[in-house]
């Protein structure tokens, strides 16, 4: 499981992220470090495929806090879609 880069546009701003797949207790999760050309700040989240019949994503901050409360759900959805898009090209 190698690192890969995702790129997407959200609300007109381009984002790029380094995604590092990791395994924990047999489950795969993704450490995502995002940055935007328009912003100097960097976002670090952990993406996990939620347990459901459809492909949904759950997100946490590396410190264990739930990121959904702090980050736009549409933005998090775009991160998950970008990961899925990359995986579908393999």
Protein backbone atom coordinates (compact mmCIF):
# COMPACT_ATOMS: atom_id res chain seq x y z
CA UNK A 1 0.00 0.00 0.00
CA UNK A 2 1.82 3.04 -1.31
CA UNK A 3 1.22 6.73 -0.74
CA UNK A 4 -0.62 8.59 -3.47
CA UNK A 5 -1.73 12.11 -4.26
CA UNK A 6 -5.31 13.31 -4.71
CA UNK A 7 -6.32 16.57 -6.37
CA UNK A 8 -9.78 18.11 -6.41
CA UNK A 9 -11.56 21.44 -6.52
CA UNK A 10 -14.00 22.50 -3.81
CA UNK A 11 -15.87 25.81 -3.89
CA UNK A 12 -13.58 27.00 -6.68
CA UNK A 13 -10.35 26.35 -4.74
CA UNK A 14 -7.89 23.64 -5.82
CA UNK A 15 -6.72 21.19 -3.16
CA UNK A 16 -3.94 18.64 -3.20
CA UNK A 17 -3.42 15.91 -0.64
CA UNK A 18 -0.89 13.26 0.21
CA UNK A 19 -2.75 10.07 1.15
CA UNK A 20 -0.99 7.37 3.17
CA UNK A 21 -2.87 4.04 3.44
CA UNK A 22 -2.38 2.28 6.79
CA UNK A 23 -3.70 -0.89 8.44
CA UNK A 24 -4.93 -1.23 11.99
CA UNK A 25 -6.51 -4.47 13.29
CA UNK A 26 -7.17 -5.61 9.71
CA UNK A 27 -8.95 -2.39 8.72
CA UNK A 28 -7.52 0.04 6.20
CA UNK A 29 -7.62 3.76 6.86
CA UNK A 30 -6.06 6.72 5.10
CA UNK A 31 -4.01 9.50 6.61
CA UNK A 32 -4.68 12.57 4.44
CA UNK A 33 -2.56 15.73 4.55
CA UNK A 34 -4.29 18.42 2.51
CA UNK A 35 -3.22 21.85 1.43
CA UNK A 36 -4.56 24.47 -0.91
CA UNK A 37 -2.73 26.87 -3.17
CA UNK A 38 -5.01 29.64 -1.91
CA UNK A 39 -4.39 28.91 1.77
CA UNK A 40 -1.22 28.56 3.74
CA UNK A 41 -2.87 26.30 6.29
CA UNK A 42 -2.68 22.53 6.11
CA UNK A 43 -5.40 20.06 7.10
CA UNK A 44 -4.59 16.62 8.47
CA UNK A 45 -7.46 14.10 8.68
CA UNK A 46 -7.92 10.34 8.83
CA UNK A 47 -10.40 8.84 6.35
CA UNK A 48 -12.03 5.51 7.19
CA UNK A 49 -14.61 3.61 5.14
CA UNK A 50 -17.70 3.58 7.40
CA UNK A 51 -19.45 0.33 8.11
CA UNK A 52 -22.46 0.40 5.80
CA UNK A 53 -23.75 -1.21 2.62
CA UNK A 54 -22.83 1.82 0.57
CA UNK A 55 -19.41 3.42 0.39
CA UNK A 56 -19.40 6.21 2.93
CA UNK A 57 -16.48 7.84 4.66
CA UNK A 58 -15.91 8.75 8.28
CA UNK A 59 -13.25 11.24 9.27
CA UNK A 60 -11.22 11.92 12.38
CA UNK A 61 -8.47 14.34 13.20
CA UNK A 62 -5.14 12.72 14.12
CA UNK A 63 -5.68 13.79 17.73
CA UNK A 64 -8.79 11.57 17.85
CA UNK A 65 -11.36 14.36 17.68
CA UNK A 66 -14.28 14.01 15.28
CA UNK A 67 -13.61 16.33 12.36
CA UNK A 68 -17.20 16.45 11.07
CA UNK A 69 -18.05 19.00 13.74
CA UNK A 70 -15.27 21.32 12.63
CA UNK A 71 -15.06 20.82 8.86
CA UNK A 72 -17.66 21.26 6.10
CA UNK A 73 -19.28 17.87 5.35
CA UNK A 74 -19.24 18.62 1.62
CA UNK A 75 -15.49 19.16 1.80
CA UNK A 76 -14.99 15.84 3.60
CA UNK A 77 -17.19 14.15 0.98
CA UNK A 78 -14.89 15.50 -1.76
CA UNK A 79 -11.87 13.98 0.00
CA UNK A 80 -13.58 10.57 0.08
CA UNK A 81 -14.62 10.88 -3.58
CA UNK A 82 -11.03 11.73 -4.58
CA UNK A 83 -9.73 8.64 -2.74
CA UNK A 84 -12.36 6.45 -4.44
CA UNK A 85 -11.49 7.93 -7.84
CA UNK A 86 -7.82 7.14 -7.36
CA UNK A 87 -8.59 3.58 -6.22
CA UNK A 88 -10.86 2.97 -9.23
CA UNK A 89 -7.96 3.81 -11.57
CA UNK A 90 -5.74 1.04 -10.13
